[in-house]
């Protein structure tokens, strides 16, 4: 890290010291050169060359270590998938549904757990007053830092079940495809509840397998695809998710599924490699938009409300 970049990193991190805390002791942190140090002097955390504090260099669970290694390996392919025109069009449909679920008001201080490349930041845009992105993969965070360089955003490397933030300091927590990577759902939801202010909201969009057909197909695909890790990834189920959220102190829980056959064909090009050829098909954007409308109509049919491949949920503390 050069002197100039070290100073810039220190300045950006200092703007977030009011909410940053030592994940082991909970004490406040101060910047000391290229490290963050607990005010009790007991724990020190490196700041890497990109200005990312490293909080999970040690103490990760076996599942978290596996996910860290997995996403460090597939980061470039995952990012490339987001650039395909059919992926972009179907994602735009899911983004509109996510924005509708969030509403139009300010989201205040927003934390994105398992943030990857920081998708929530451009998605919610001016609704976000301040942003903290948390991910266990340093390779994913490198992409995030490169894509989002401004003073109101900070990215940190940490475990989503041990977040280096103060209790009750956050207005909104967002997870876009991260919950299904975390096996310890009780700990995860309890941690989300801890950092949220009373009345704060938890917004999530995740793969879901309430429909038996998707459970069968995913059981095969998760074992077959090198982009997925069947040992640590588990799509959500309603009966396994909502009761745990309630136990963690959430209420007014909304749970609506999206994506059907169109999602199968036009999303996940990083997993289903044949999808990649669709980027050469003339009119693929219009075809994808039509498929999204058909999927929406199918899932509006009585009896199919929970038959989608993705769930968009909102829970209030």
Protein backbone atom coordinates (compact mmCIF):
# COMPACT_ATOMS: atom_id res chain seq x y z
CA UNK A 1 0.00 0.00 0.00
CA UNK A 2 1.47 3.40 -0.99
CA UNK A 3 1.50 6.31 1.42
CA UNK A 4 -1.11 8.15 -0.67
CA UNK A 5 -3.50 5.17 -0.85
CA UNK A 6 -2.94 4.45 2.85
CA UNK A 7 -4.01 7.99 3.75
CA UNK A 8 -7.06 7.78 1.46
CA UNK A 9 -8.05 4.44 3.02
CA UNK A 10 -7.66 5.79 6.54
CA UNK A 11 -9.84 8.80 5.75
CA UNK A 12 -12.62 6.68 4.23
CA UNK A 13 -12.59 4.24 7.14
CA UNK A 14 -12.61 7.02 9.73
CA UNK A 15 -16.01 8.14 8.41
CA UNK A 16 -17.40 4.81 9.59
CA UNK A 17 -15.74 4.51 13.00
CA UNK A 18 -19.01 5.48 14.69
CA UNK A 19 -20.53 2.15 13.59
CA UNK A 20 -17.48 -0.14 13.30
CA UNK A 21 -16.74 -2.38 16.28
CA UNK A 22 -14.31 -5.16 17.11
CA UNK A 23 -16.18 -8.38 16.23
CA UNK A 24 -14.60 -10.23 19.16
CA UNK A 25 -14.94 -7.73 22.02
CA UNK A 26 -17.45 -5.19 20.71
CA UNK A 27 -15.20 -2.23 21.60
CA UNK A 28 -14.69 0.80 19.40
CA UNK A 29 -11.93 0.83 16.80
CA UNK A 30 -9.34 3.42 15.81
CA UNK A 31 -7.14 3.67 12.72
CA UNK A 32 -3.46 3.05 13.41
CA UNK A 33 -1.53 3.28 10.15
CA UNK A 34 -2.55 0.32 8.02
CA UNK A 35 -4.51 -1.36 10.82
CA UNK A 36 -7.70 -1.00 12.81
CA UNK A 37 -7.11 -1.41 16.53
CA UNK A 38 -9.56 -1.94 19.38
CA UNK A 39 -9.45 0.90 21.91
CA UNK A 40 -8.51 -1.70 24.54
CA UNK A 41 -5.46 -2.63 22.43
CA UNK A 42 -6.30 -6.34 22.44
CA UNK A 43 -7.20 -6.92 18.78
CA UNK A 44 -5.70 -5.55 15.57
CA UNK A 45 -7.06 -5.91 12.03
CA UNK A 46 -5.11 -5.28 8.83
CA UNK A 47 -6.36 -2.92 6.13
CA UNK A 48 -5.47 -4.34 2.72
CA UNK A 49 -4.13 -2.42 -0.29
CA UNK A 50 -7.68 -1.68 -1.52
CA UNK A 51 -8.66 -0.11 1.80
CA UNK A 52 -10.68 -3.12 3.00
CA UNK A 53 -10.44 -3.95 6.72
CA UNK A 54 -9.80 -7.67 7.21
CA UNK A 55 -11.84 -8.90 10.19
CA UNK A 56 -12.04 -12.62 9.39
CA UNK A 57 -8.41 -13.57 8.92
CA UNK A 58 -8.88 -16.06 11.74
CA UNK A 59 -11.72 -17.77 13.57
CA UNK A 60 -13.88 -18.65 10.57
CA UNK A 61 -16.09 -21.73 10.77
CA UNK A 62 -15.34 -24.64 8.44
CA UNK A 63 -18.39 -23.73 6.31
CA UNK A 64 -17.29 -20.09 6.07
CA UNK A 65 -13.77 -21.14 5.07
CA UNK A 66 -15.20 -23.39 2.37
CA UNK A 67 -17.37 -20.56 1.03
CA UNK A 68 -14.43 -18.17 1.15
CA UNK A 69 -12.27 -20.52 -0.93
CA UNK A 70 -15.16 -21.27 -3.30
CA UNK A 71 -15.95 -17.63 -4.08
CA UNK A 72 -12.31 -16.61 -4.29
CA UNK A 73 -12.07 -19.24 -7.04
CA UNK A 74 -15.23 -18.39 -9.04
CA UNK A 75 -15.27 -14.59 -8.59
CA UNK A 76 -14.30 -13.79 -12.20
CA UNK A 77 -16.85 -16.19 -13.74
CA UNK A 78 -19.58 -14.89 -11.43
CA UNK A 79 -18.85 -11.31 -12.47
CA UNK A 80 -18.79 -12.23 -16.17
CA UNK A 81 -22.24 -13.82 -15.88
CA UNK A 82 -23.70 -10.48 -14.77
CA UNK A 83 -22.61 -8.93 -18.09
CA UNK A 84 -24.68 -11.17 -20.41
CA UNK A 85 -27.70 -9.39 -21.99
CA UNK A 86 -30.25 -12.04 -21.00
CA UNK A 87 -28.92 -12.11 -17.43
CA UNK A 88 -29.17 -8.32 -17.30
CA UNK A 89 -32.75 -8.29 -18.58
CA UNK A 90 -34.05 -10.94 -16.20
CA UNK A 91 -32.14 -9.36 -13.34
CA UNK A 92 -33.76 -6.02 -14.21
CA UNK A 93 -37.15 -7.66 -13.69
CA UNK A 94 -36.07 -9.06 -10.32
CA UNK A 95 -34.60 -5.68 -9.39
CA UNK A 96 -37.94 -3.97 -10.10
CA UNK A 97 -39.69 -6.46 -7.85
CA UNK A 98 -37.04 -5.90 -5.16
CA UNK A 99 -37.45 -2.12 -5.37
CA UNK A 100 -41.23 -2.46 -5.11
CA UNK A 101 -40.83 -4.58 -1.97
CA UNK A 102 -38.46 -2.02 -0.43
CA UNK A 103 -40.74 0.93 -1.12
CA UNK A 104 -39.75 4.46 -2.06
CA UNK A 105 -38.57 5.92 1.25
CA UNK A 106 -35.02 6.36 2.51
CA UNK A 107 -33.18 3.20 3.54
CA UNK A 108 -30.80 5.19 5.75
CA UNK A 109 -27.63 3.40 6.75
CA UNK A 110 -27.70 0.16 4.76
CA UNK A 111 -25.57 -2.92 5.33
CA UNK A 112 -25.31 -5.55 2.59
CA UNK A 113 -24.21 -8.93 3.96
CA UNK A 114 -22.50 -11.37 1.59
CA UNK A 115 -22.28 -8.33 -0.67
CA UNK A 116 -20.16 -9.84 -3.45
CA UNK A 117 -19.60 -7.01 -5.93
CA UNK A 118 -21.86 -4.64 -3.99
CA UNK A 119 -25.09 -5.11 -5.93
CA UNK A 120 -27.33 -3.30 -3.44
CA UNK A 121 -25.49 0.00 -3.82
CA UNK A 122 -26.46 0.74 -7.45
CA UNK A 123 -29.80 -1.05 -7.02
CA UNK A 124 -31.13 1.25 -4.30
CA UNK A 125 -29.09 4.27 -5.35
CA UNK A 126 -30.26 7.57 -3.78
CA UNK A 127 -32.35 5.70 -1.19
CA UNK A 128 -29.07 4.77 0.56
CA UNK A 129 -27.57 7.44 2.80
CA UNK A 130 -24.58 5.36 3.87
CA UNK A 131 -23.48 1.86 2.85
CA UNK A 132 -21.37 -0.92 4.37
CA UNK A 133 -20.70 -4.05 2.31
CA UNK A 134 -19.62 -7.21 4.13
CA UNK A 135 -18.24 -10.33 2.45
CA UNK A 136 -15.90 -13.13 3.42
CA UNK A 137 -14.20 -13.25 -0.02
CA UNK A 138 -11.41 -10.73 -0.60
CA UNK A 139 -11.51 -11.41 -4.34
CA UNK A 140 -15.18 -10.44 -4.51
CA UNK A 141 -14.45 -7.33 -2.45
CA UNK A 142 -11.72 -6.28 -4.90
CA UNK A 143 -14.38 -6.15 -7.62
CA UNK A 144 -16.70 -4.24 -5.31
CA UNK A 145 -14.10 -1.61 -4.42
CA UNK A 146 -13.19 -1.13 -8.10
CA UNK A 147 -16.83 -0.64 -9.04
CA UNK A 148 -17.86 1.66 -6.18
CA UNK A 149 -15.36 4.32 -5.19
CA UNK A 150 -16.99 7.10 -3.17
CA UNK A 151 -16.96 8.31 0.40
CA UNK A 152 -20.36 7.01 1.47
CA UNK A 153 -19.44 3.34 0.97
CA UNK A 154 -17.15 1.03 2.93
CA UNK A 155 -16.38 -2.62 2.21
CA UNK A 156 -15.12 -4.95 4.94
CA UNK A 157 -14.06 -8.59 4.95
CA UNK A 158 -15.95 -10.43 7.67
CA UNK A 159 -18.19 -13.37 8.50
CA UNK A 160 -21.92 -12.58 8.14
CA UNK A 161 -22.58 -14.30 11.47
CA UNK A 162 -20.06 -12.08 13.29
CA UNK A 163 -20.43 -8.59 11.84
CA UNK A 164 -17.99 -5.87 12.99
CA UNK A 165 -20.74 -3.32 13.61
CA UNK A 166 -22.33 -1.78 16.68
CA UNK A 167 -25.64 -3.04 18.07
CA UNK A 168 -28.66 -1.11 16.78
CA UNK A 169 -26.73 1.10 14.33
CA UNK A 170 -28.32 0.13 11.00
CA UNK A 171 -31.61 1.10 9.34
CA UNK A 172 -31.64 -1.59 6.64
CA UNK A 173 -29.89 -4.93 6.10
CA UNK A 174 -29.92 -6.44 2.61
CA UNK A 175 -28.90 -9.89 1.40
CA UNK A 176 -29.03 -10.66 -2.32
CA UNK A 177 -28.22 -14.35 -2.70
CA UNK A 178 -26.25 -14.72 0.51
CA UNK A 179 -28.52 -16.47 3.01
CA UNK A 180 -28.39 -19.79 1.18
CA UNK A 181 -24.59 -19.82 1.63
CA UNK A 182 -24.90 -19.63 5.43
CA UNK A 183 -25.67 -22.88 7.22
CA UNK A 184 -26.07 -21.27 10.65
CA UNK A 185 -29.33 -19.46 9.85
CA UNK A 186 -30.24 -18.91 13.52
CA UNK A 187 -26.94 -17.14 14.14
CA UNK A 188 -27.23 -15.17 10.91
CA UNK A 189 -30.75 -13.87 11.59
CA UNK A 190 -29.87 -13.11 15.21
CA UNK A 191 -26.89 -11.06 14.00
CA UNK A 192 -29.04 -9.19 11.48
CA UNK A 193 -31.51 -8.41 14.26
CA UNK A 194 -28.68 -7.28 16.57
CA UNK A 195 -27.27 -4.63 14.22
CA UNK A 196 -30.69 -3.32 13.14
CA UNK A 197 -32.36 -0.43 14.92
CA UNK A 198 -35.87 -1.08 16.33
CA UNK A 199 -38.20 -0.80 13.36
CA UNK A 200 -35.35 -1.48 10.93
CA UNK A 201 -35.93 -3.79 7.97
CA UNK A 202 -34.27 -6.90 6.59
CA UNK A 203 -34.65 -7.22 2.80
CA UNK A 204 -33.58 -10.39 1.02
CA UNK A 205 -33.66 -12.06 -2.39
CA UNK A 206 -32.63 -15.70 -2.39
CA UNK A 207 -32.95 -19.01 -4.26
CA UNK A 208 -35.89 -20.92 -2.85
CA UNK A 209 -37.00 -24.54 -3.16
CA UNK A 210 -40.55 -24.64 -1.82
CA UNK A 211 -41.69 -26.24 -5.11
CA UNK A 212 -40.82 -29.96 -5.26
CA UNK A 213 -39.63 -29.80 -8.91
CA UNK A 214 -36.95 -27.22 -8.06
CA UNK A 215 -35.81 -29.28 -5.07
CA UNK A 216 -35.19 -32.28 -7.31
CA UNK A 217 -33.43 -30.32 -10.06
CA UNK A 218 -31.29 -28.38 -7.64
CA UNK A 219 -30.23 -31.53 -5.83
CA UNK A 220 -28.67 -32.67 -9.11
CA UNK A 221 -27.35 -29.34 -10.39
CA UNK A 222 -25.71 -28.38 -7.11
CA UNK A 223 -23.69 -31.59 -7.19
CA UNK A 224 -22.88 -31.35 -10.90
CA UNK A 225 -21.85 -27.72 -11.33
CA UNK A 226 -18.33 -26.59 -10.30
CA UNK A 227 -19.81 -23.13 -9.71
CA UNK A 228 -21.88 -24.42 -6.79
CA UNK A 229 -20.98 -26.10 -3.51
CA UNK A 230 -23.65 -28.59 -2.47
CA UNK A 231 -21.96 -29.08 0.91
CA UNK A 232 -22.46 -25.46 2.02
CA UNK A 233 -25.26 -24.01 -0.15
CA UNK A 234 -28.89 -24.63 0.79
CA UNK A 235 -31.79 -22.77 -0.89
CA UNK A 236 -34.47 -21.40 1.41
CA UNK A 237 -37.69 -23.16 2.38
CA UNK A 238 -40.63 -21.23 3.87
CA UNK A 239 -41.03 -23.53 6.87
CA UNK A 240 -37.27 -23.34 7.60
CA UNK A 241 -37.02 -19.56 7.22
CA UNK A 242 -40.01 -17.66 8.55
CA UNK A 243 -40.13 -19.34 12.00
CA UNK A 244 -36.41 -18.64 12.50
CA UNK A 245 -36.92 -15.00 11.55
CA UNK A 246 -39.73 -14.75 14.10
CA UNK A 247 -37.49 -16.33 16.73
CA UNK A 248 -34.83 -13.70 15.97
CA UNK A 249 -37.29 -10.91 16.70
CA UNK A 250 -38.75 -10.12 13.27
CA UNK A 251 -42.38 -9.48 12.40
CA UNK A 252 -44.59 -8.37 9.50
CA UNK A 253 -42.74 -10.83 7.28
CA UNK A 254 -43.46 -10.76 3.54
CA UNK A 255 -42.41 -13.78 1.49
CA UNK A 256 -43.17 -13.85 -2.25
CA UNK A 257 -41.55 -16.02 -4.92
CA UNK A 258 -40.50 -15.01 -8.44
CA UNK A 259 -39.01 -16.70 -11.49
CA UNK A 260 -40.19 -19.88 -13.18
CA UNK A 261 -39.15 -21.46 -16.50
CA UNK A 262 -37.81 -18.17 -17.86
CA UNK A 263 -35.50 -17.94 -14.88
CA UNK A 264 -34.22 -21.45 -15.63
CA UNK A 265 -33.32 -20.55 -19.22
CA UNK A 266 -32.04 -16.99 -18.94
CA UNK A 267 -30.37 -16.77 -15.53
CA UNK A 268 -27.38 -18.53 -13.97
CA UNK A 269 -25.17 -18.62 -17.06
CA UNK A 270 -22.28 -19.17 -14.67
CA UNK A 271 -23.91 -22.45 -13.60
CA UNK A 272 -25.74 -23.70 -16.71
CA UNK A 273 -23.06 -23.17 -19.33
CA UNK A 274 -25.41 -23.57 -22.33
CA UNK A 275 -27.08 -20.31 -21.28
CA UNK A 276 -24.01 -18.40 -22.40
CA UNK A 277 -24.80 -18.92 -26.10
CA UNK A 278 -28.04 -16.95 -25.68
CA UNK A 279 -26.03 -13.72 -25.77
CA UNK A 280 -25.61 -14.30 -29.52
CA UNK A 281 -29.35 -14.77 -30.20
CA UNK A 282 -30.91 -11.78 -32.03
CA UNK A 283 -33.59 -10.09 -29.93
CA UNK A 284 -32.59 -11.96 -26.77
CA UNK A 285 -33.41 -8.99 -24.55
CA UNK A 286 -37.01 -8.83 -25.80
CA UNK A 287 -37.34 -12.62 -25.49
CA UNK A 288 -36.11 -12.47 -21.90
CA UNK A 289 -38.50 -9.65 -20.99
CA UNK A 290 -41.41 -11.68 -22.39
CA UNK A 291 -40.33 -14.75 -20.41
CA UNK A 292 -40.26 -12.69 -17.22
CA UNK A 293 -43.85 -11.56 -17.82
CA UNK A 294 -44.92 -15.16 -18.44
CA UNK A 295 -43.21 -16.28 -15.23
CA UNK A 296 -45.01 -13.53 -13.30
CA UNK A 297 -48.36 -14.65 -14.71
CA UNK A 298 -47.71 -18.30 -13.79
CA UNK A 299 -46.81 -17.41 -10.22
CA UNK A 300 -49.98 -15.31 -9.91
CA UNK A 301 -52.05 -18.44 -10.56
CA UNK A 302 -53.73 -19.85 -7.42
CA UNK A 303 -51.66 -22.69 -6.01
CA UNK A 304 -48.40 -21.49 -7.60
CA UNK A 305 -47.66 -18.55 -5.28
CA UNK A 306 -44.67 -20.34 -3.73
CA UNK A 307 -43.55 -22.20 -6.84
CA UNK A 308 -40.91 -19.67 -7.90
CA UNK A 309 -37.14 -20.08 -7.93
CA UNK A 310 -36.38 -16.86 -6.07
CA UNK A 311 -38.00 -15.37 -2.98
CA UNK A 312 -38.12 -11.68 -2.19
CA UNK A 313 -38.70 -11.13 1.49
CA UNK A 314 -39.11 -8.22 3.87
CA UNK A 315 -39.01 -8.54 7.65
CA UNK A 316 -39.23 -5.75 10.23
CA UNK A 317 -37.51 -5.83 13.60
